Amino acid sequence: MELILRDPSCRGLFLELDSDAVRTLQYSIYVPVRHGVETEICERGAVAYTEVGSSVTRLCPGFARLGDRRAALTLLHEALHCAGLGEKPLAADGLTSDQITRLVTRECR
């Protein structure tokens, strides 16, 4: 993960949110999903999710099957939410989940 964060364009995604990528990741907490509504989110294809501004990222069972690079990009995607990035449909002016993933993939080589 540290190698990815050396890329200025990747760190820049966090700076645009007045956040620090390393600090955001250091203070993030990763926990497995709870049953109920959270399980439904995983069943719809998510491998991880969080709420905007929350330091807690919930990991779906599918996260364990990701390769290292994909897992790192997923954690960066979720860390952007922790740093304040909203996502459609909840954030009307936000990006979709797929758009955020493409942005992270492009900027965090």
N, C-alpha and C. Protein backbone atom coordinates (compact mmCIF):
# COMPACT_ATOMS: atom_id res chain seq x y z
N MET A 1 0.84 -1.19 0.00
CA MET A 1 0.00 0.00 0.00
C MET A 1 0.87 1.24 0.00
N GLU A 2 1.96 1.20 0.73
CA GLU A 2 2.84 2.36 0.81
C GLU A 2 3.37 2.74 -0.57
N LEU A 3 3.69 1.74 -1.39
CA LEU A 3 4.19 2.03 -2.74
C LEU A 3 3.14 2.75 -3.56
N ILE A 4 1.89 2.35 -3.43
CA ILE A 4 0.82 3.01 -4.17
C ILE A 4 0.70 4.46 -3.74
N LEU A 5 0.84 4.71 -2.45
CA LEU A 5 0.65 6.07 -1.93
C LEU A 5 1.82 6.99 -2.24
N ARG A 6 2.90 6.46 -2.76
CA ARG A 6 4.01 7.32 -3.19
C ARG A 6 3.67 8.08 -4.46
N ASP A 7 2.67 7.61 -5.17
CA ASP A 7 2.24 8.25 -6.41
C ASP A 7 1.54 9.57 -6.07
N PRO A 8 2.09 10.72 -6.51
CA PRO A 8 1.49 12.00 -6.17
C PRO A 8 0.03 12.14 -6.61
N SER A 9 -0.31 11.54 -7.74
CA SER A 9 -1.69 11.66 -8.21
C SER A 9 -2.65 10.90 -7.29
N CYS A 10 -2.18 9.81 -6.71
CA CYS A 10 -3.00 9.05 -5.77
C CYS A 10 -3.19 9.85 -4.48
N ARG A 11 -2.12 10.38 -3.95
CA ARG A 11 -2.21 11.22 -2.74
C ARG A 11 -3.07 12.44 -3.01
N GLY A 12 -3.02 12.94 -4.25
CA GLY A 12 -3.80 14.11 -4.62
C GLY A 12 -5.30 13.91 -4.49
N LEU A 13 -5.78 12.68 -4.67
CA LEU A 13 -7.20 12.40 -4.49
C LEU A 13 -7.63 12.74 -3.07
N PHE A 14 -6.77 12.46 -2.12
CA PHE A 14 -7.07 12.74 -0.71
C PHE A 14 -6.88 14.23 -0.40
N LEU A 15 -5.86 14.83 -1.01
CA LEU A 15 -5.62 16.25 -0.77
C LEU A 15 -6.80 17.09 -1.24
N GLU A 16 -7.45 16.67 -2.31
CA GLU A 16 -8.64 17.38 -2.79
C GLU A 16 -9.76 17.38 -1.75
N LEU A 17 -9.70 16.42 -0.84
CA LEU A 17 -10.70 16.32 0.24
C LEU A 17 -10.15 16.87 1.56
N ASP A 18 -9.03 17.61 1.47
CA ASP A 18 -8.35 18.13 2.67
C ASP A 18 -8.01 17.01 3.65
N SER A 19 -7.51 15.92 3.11
CA SER A 19 -7.18 14.75 3.92
C SER A 19 -5.81 14.23 3.52
N ASP A 20 -5.24 13.42 4.37
CA ASP A 20 -3.95 12.79 4.11
C ASP A 20 -4.19 11.28 3.93
N ALA A 21 -3.74 10.75 2.83
CA ALA A 21 -3.99 9.34 2.51
C ALA A 21 -3.42 8.41 3.57
N VAL A 22 -2.18 8.61 3.96
CA VAL A 22 -1.54 7.72 4.93
C VAL A 22 -2.28 7.78 6.26
N ARG A 23 -2.56 8.97 6.72
CA ARG A 23 -3.27 9.13 8.01
C ARG A 23 -4.65 8.49 7.95
N THR A 24 -5.36 8.70 6.86
CA THR A 24 -6.70 8.11 6.72
C THR A 24 -6.62 6.60 6.82
N LEU A 25 -5.66 6.01 6.14
CA LEU A 25 -5.52 4.55 6.19
C LEU A 25 -5.04 4.07 7.56
N GLN A 26 -4.17 4.82 8.21
CA GLN A 26 -3.68 4.43 9.54
C GLN A 26 -4.80 4.37 10.56
N TYR A 27 -5.76 5.28 10.44
CA TYR A 27 -6.83 5.34 11.41
C TYR A 27 -8.09 4.59 10.99
N SER A 28 -8.01 3.91 9.88
CA SER A 28 -9.15 3.10 9.44
C SER A 28 -9.20 1.80 10.22
N ILE A 29 -10.41 1.34 10.45
CA ILE A 29 -10.65 0.09 11.16
C ILE A 29 -11.39 -0.82 10.19
N TYR A 30 -10.95 -2.05 10.09
CA TYR A 30 -11.55 -3.00 9.15
C TYR A 30 -12.19 -4.13 9.95
N VAL A 31 -13.47 -4.35 9.71
CA VAL A 31 -14.22 -5.37 10.44
C VAL A 31 -15.07 -6.16 9.45
N PRO A 32 -15.39 -7.40 9.81
CA PRO A 32 -16.28 -8.18 8.94
C PRO A 32 -17.71 -7.63 9.02
N VAL A 33 -18.48 -7.92 8.00
CA VAL A 33 -19.88 -7.47 7.98
C VAL A 33 -20.67 -8.15 9.08
N ARG A 34 -21.73 -7.47 9.48
CA ARG A 34 -22.69 -8.06 10.41
C ARG A 34 -23.83 -8.64 9.57
N HIS A 35 -24.57 -9.54 10.14
CA HIS A 35 -25.68 -10.14 9.40
C HIS A 35 -26.81 -9.14 9.24
N GLY A 36 -27.69 -9.40 8.31
CA GLY A 36 -28.84 -8.53 8.07
C GLY A 36 -28.62 -7.68 6.84
N VAL A 37 -28.86 -6.39 7.00
CA VAL A 37 -28.75 -5.46 5.87
C VAL A 37 -27.36 -5.49 5.27
N GLU A 38 -26.34 -5.57 6.11
CA GLU A 38 -24.97 -5.57 5.60
C GLU A 38 -24.71 -6.80 4.73
N THR A 39 -25.25 -7.93 5.09
CA THR A 39 -25.09 -9.13 4.28
C THR A 39 -25.71 -8.92 2.91
N GLU A 40 -26.84 -8.21 2.87
CA GLU A 40 -27.50 -7.94 1.58
C GLU A 40 -26.60 -7.10 0.68
N ILE A 41 -25.88 -6.16 1.24
CA ILE A 41 -24.97 -5.33 0.45
C ILE A 41 -23.91 -6.21 -0.21
N CYS A 42 -23.38 -7.14 0.55
CA CYS A 42 -22.37 -8.06 0.01
C CYS A 42 -22.97 -8.95 -1.07
N GLU A 43 -24.18 -9.40 -0.85
CA GLU A 43 -24.84 -10.27 -1.83
C GLU A 43 -25.09 -9.55 -3.14
N ARG A 44 -25.15 -8.21 -3.12
CA ARG A 44 -25.33 -7.44 -4.34
C ARG A 44 -24.01 -7.20 -5.06
N GLY A 45 -22.90 -7.74 -4.55
CA GLY A 45 -21.63 -7.67 -5.25
C GLY A 45 -20.55 -6.83 -4.60
N ALA A 46 -20.86 -6.14 -3.52
CA ALA A 46 -19.82 -5.35 -2.85
C ALA A 46 -18.81 -6.27 -2.17
N VAL A 47 -17.56 -5.82 -2.12
CA VAL A 47 -16.54 -6.57 -1.37
C VAL A 47 -16.13 -5.82 -0.11
N ALA A 48 -16.49 -4.53 -0.04
CA ALA A 48 -16.24 -3.71 1.13
C ALA A 48 -17.12 -2.47 1.03
N TYR A 49 -17.38 -1.84 2.17
CA TYR A 49 -18.12 -0.58 2.13
C TYR A 49 -17.96 0.17 3.45
N THR A 50 -18.20 1.45 3.39
CA THR A 50 -18.16 2.31 4.56
C THR A 50 -19.14 3.45 4.35
N GLU A 51 -19.29 4.27 5.36
CA GLU A 51 -20.11 5.47 5.25
C GLU A 51 -19.18 6.67 5.16
N VAL A 52 -19.62 7.71 4.48
CA VAL A 52 -18.81 8.92 4.35
C VAL A 52 -18.47 9.45 5.74
N GLY A 53 -17.17 9.68 5.95
CA GLY A 53 -16.70 10.22 7.21
C GLY A 53 -16.43 9.19 8.29
N SER A 54 -16.79 7.96 8.07
CA SER A 54 -16.58 6.91 9.07
C SER A 54 -15.20 6.31 8.91
N SER A 55 -14.58 5.94 10.01
CA SER A 55 -13.28 5.28 9.95
C SER A 55 -13.42 3.76 9.90
N VAL A 56 -14.65 3.27 9.95
CA VAL A 56 -14.90 1.83 9.94
C VAL A 56 -15.27 1.38 8.54
N THR A 57 -14.51 0.42 8.02
CA THR A 57 -14.82 -0.19 6.73
C THR A 57 -15.20 -1.63 6.99
N ARG A 58 -16.33 -2.02 6.47
CA ARG A 58 -16.81 -3.40 6.61
C ARG A 58 -16.35 -4.21 5.41
N LEU A 59 -15.82 -5.37 5.69
CA LEU A 59 -15.30 -6.25 4.63
C LEU A 59 -16.25 -7.42 4.42
N CYS A 60 -16.67 -7.59 3.19
CA CYS A 60 -17.53 -8.71 2.80
C CYS A 60 -16.66 -9.95 2.60
N PRO A 61 -17.25 -11.13 2.65
CA PRO A 61 -16.47 -12.35 2.44
C PRO A 61 -15.68 -12.34 1.13
N GLY A 62 -16.20 -11.72 0.09
CA GLY A 62 -15.51 -11.67 -1.20
C GLY A 62 -14.19 -10.92 -1.17
N PHE A 63 -14.00 -10.07 -0.17
CA PHE A 63 -12.75 -9.32 -0.07
C PHE A 63 -11.55 -10.26 0.07
N ALA A 64 -11.73 -11.34 0.79
CA ALA A 64 -10.63 -12.30 1.03
C ALA A 64 -10.16 -12.97 -0.25
N ARG A 65 -10.98 -12.95 -1.28
CA ARG A 65 -10.62 -13.60 -2.55
C ARG A 65 -9.95 -12.66 -3.54
N LEU A 66 -9.81 -11.40 -3.17
CA LEU A 66 -9.17 -10.43 -4.07
C LEU A 66 -7.66 -10.60 -4.06
N GLY A 67 -7.03 -10.33 -5.18
CA GLY A 67 -5.58 -10.28 -5.22
C GLY A 67 -5.09 -9.05 -4.46
N ASP A 68 -3.80 -8.99 -4.21
CA ASP A 68 -3.24 -7.89 -3.42
C ASP A 68 -3.53 -6.52 -4.03
N ARG A 69 -3.33 -6.38 -5.33
CA ARG A 69 -3.53 -5.07 -5.97
C ARG A 69 -4.99 -4.64 -5.90
N ARG A 70 -5.88 -5.54 -6.24
CA ARG A 70 -7.32 -5.23 -6.20
C ARG A 70 -7.77 -4.92 -4.77
N ALA A 71 -7.24 -5.65 -3.81
CA ALA A 71 -7.58 -5.39 -2.40
C ALA A 71 -7.10 -4.00 -1.99
N ALA A 72 -5.89 -3.64 -2.39
CA ALA A 72 -5.34 -2.32 -2.06
C ALA A 72 -6.19 -1.21 -2.69
N LEU A 73 -6.56 -1.38 -3.95
CA LEU A 73 -7.38 -0.37 -4.62
C LEU A 73 -8.76 -0.26 -3.98
N THR A 74 -9.29 -1.38 -3.53
CA THR A 74 -10.59 -1.37 -2.83
C THR A 74 -10.48 -0.59 -1.53
N LEU A 75 -9.41 -0.81 -0.77
CA LEU A 75 -9.23 -0.09 0.49
C LEU A 75 -9.03 1.40 0.24
N LEU A 76 -8.36 1.76 -0.85
CA LEU A 76 -8.21 3.17 -1.19
C LEU A 76 -9.55 3.78 -1.56
N HIS A 77 -10.37 3.06 -2.31
CA HIS A 77 -11.71 3.51 -2.66
C HIS A 77 -12.49 3.81 -1.38
N GLU A 78 -12.47 2.88 -0.44
CA GLU A 78 -13.20 3.06 0.82
C GLU A 78 -12.59 4.18 1.67
N ALA A 79 -11.27 4.31 1.63
CA ALA A 79 -10.60 5.37 2.39
C ALA A 79 -11.02 6.75 1.87
N LEU A 80 -11.27 6.87 0.58
CA LEU A 80 -11.76 8.14 0.05
C LEU A 80 -13.12 8.50 0.66
N HIS A 81 -13.96 7.49 0.87
CA HIS A 81 -15.23 7.75 1.55
C HIS A 81 -14.98 8.19 2.99
N CYS A 82 -14.04 7.54 3.65
CA CYS A 82 -13.68 7.93 5.03
C CYS A 82 -13.23 9.39 5.06
N ALA A 83 -12.53 9.81 4.01
CA ALA A 83 -12.01 11.18 3.93
C ALA A 83 -13.09 12.18 3.53
N GLY A 84 -14.27 11.70 3.16
CA GLY A 84 -15.36 12.61 2.87
C GLY A 84 -15.96 12.55 1.48
N LEU A 85 -15.47 11.68 0.62
CA LEU A 85 -16.00 11.59 -0.74
C LEU A 85 -17.35 10.88 -0.74
N GLY A 86 -18.36 11.59 -1.22
CA GLY A 86 -19.69 11.00 -1.33
C GLY A 86 -19.82 10.17 -2.61
N GLU A 87 -20.89 9.40 -2.66
CA GLU A 87 -21.12 8.52 -3.80
C GLU A 87 -22.59 8.56 -4.17
N LYS A 88 -22.84 8.56 -5.49
CA LYS A 88 -24.22 8.47 -5.95
C LYS A 88 -24.80 7.12 -5.55
N PRO A 89 -26.04 7.01 -5.23
CA PRO A 89 -27.08 8.01 -5.35
C PRO A 89 -27.22 8.91 -4.11
N LEU A 90 -26.56 8.59 -3.00
CA LEU A 90 -26.72 9.40 -1.79
C LEU A 90 -26.18 10.82 -1.97
N ALA A 91 -25.08 10.96 -2.67
CA ALA A 91 -24.50 12.28 -2.97
C ALA A 91 -24.86 12.61 -4.41
N ALA A 92 -25.82 13.47 -4.59
CA ALA A 92 -26.31 13.79 -5.93
C ALA A 92 -25.20 14.26 -6.86
N ASP A 93 -24.23 15.00 -6.32
CA ASP A 93 -23.14 15.51 -7.16
C ASP A 93 -21.91 14.60 -7.11
N GLY A 94 -22.04 13.44 -6.49
CA GLY A 94 -20.91 12.51 -6.37
C GLY A 94 -20.74 11.64 -7.59
N LEU A 95 -19.73 10.81 -7.54
CA LEU A 95 -19.47 9.83 -8.59
C LEU A 95 -20.16 8.52 -8.23
N THR A 96 -20.35 7.67 -9.21
CA THR A 96 -20.86 6.33 -8.92
C THR A 96 -19.72 5.49 -8.36
N SER A 97 -20.05 4.37 -7.80
CA SER A 97 -19.02 3.46 -7.27
C SER A 97 -18.04 3.06 -8.36
N ASP A 98 -18.55 2.72 -9.53
CA ASP A 98 -17.68 2.33 -10.65
C ASP A 98 -16.75 3.47 -11.07
N GLN A 99 -17.28 4.69 -11.08
CA GLN A 99 -16.45 5.84 -11.44
C GLN A 99 -15.33 6.06 -10.42
N ILE A 100 -15.64 5.89 -9.15
CA ILE A 100 -14.61 6.04 -8.11
C ILE A 100 -13.56 4.96 -8.27
N THR A 101 -13.98 3.74 -8.52
CA THR A 101 -13.02 2.65 -8.70
C THR A 101 -12.12 2.91 -9.90
N ARG A 102 -12.69 3.39 -11.00
CA ARG A 102 -11.86 3.71 -12.18
C ARG A 102 -10.88 4.84 -11.87
N LEU A 103 -11.33 5.85 -11.13
CA LEU A 103 -10.48 6.96 -10.74
C LEU A 103 -9.31 6.49 -9.88
N VAL A 104 -9.58 5.68 -8.90
CA VAL A 104 -8.54 5.14 -8.02
C VAL A 104 -7.57 4.27 -8.82
N THR A 105 -8.11 3.44 -9.70
CA THR A 105 -7.26 2.56 -10.51
C THR A 105 -6.33 3.39 -11.41
N ARG A 106 -6.85 4.47 -11.98
CA ARG A 106 -6.05 5.32 -12.87
C ARG A 106 -5.02 6.13 -12.09
N GLU A 107 -5.40 6.70 -10.96
CA GLU A 107 -4.51 7.62 -10.23
C GLU A 107 -3.55 6.93 -9.26
N CYS A 108 -3.86 5.73 -8.89
CA CYS A 108 -3.04 5.00 -7.90
C CYS A 108 -2.39 3.79 -8.56
N ARG A 109 -1.51 4.08 -9.48
CA ARG A 109 -0.82 3.02 -10.22
C ARG A 109 0.13 2.37 -9.30
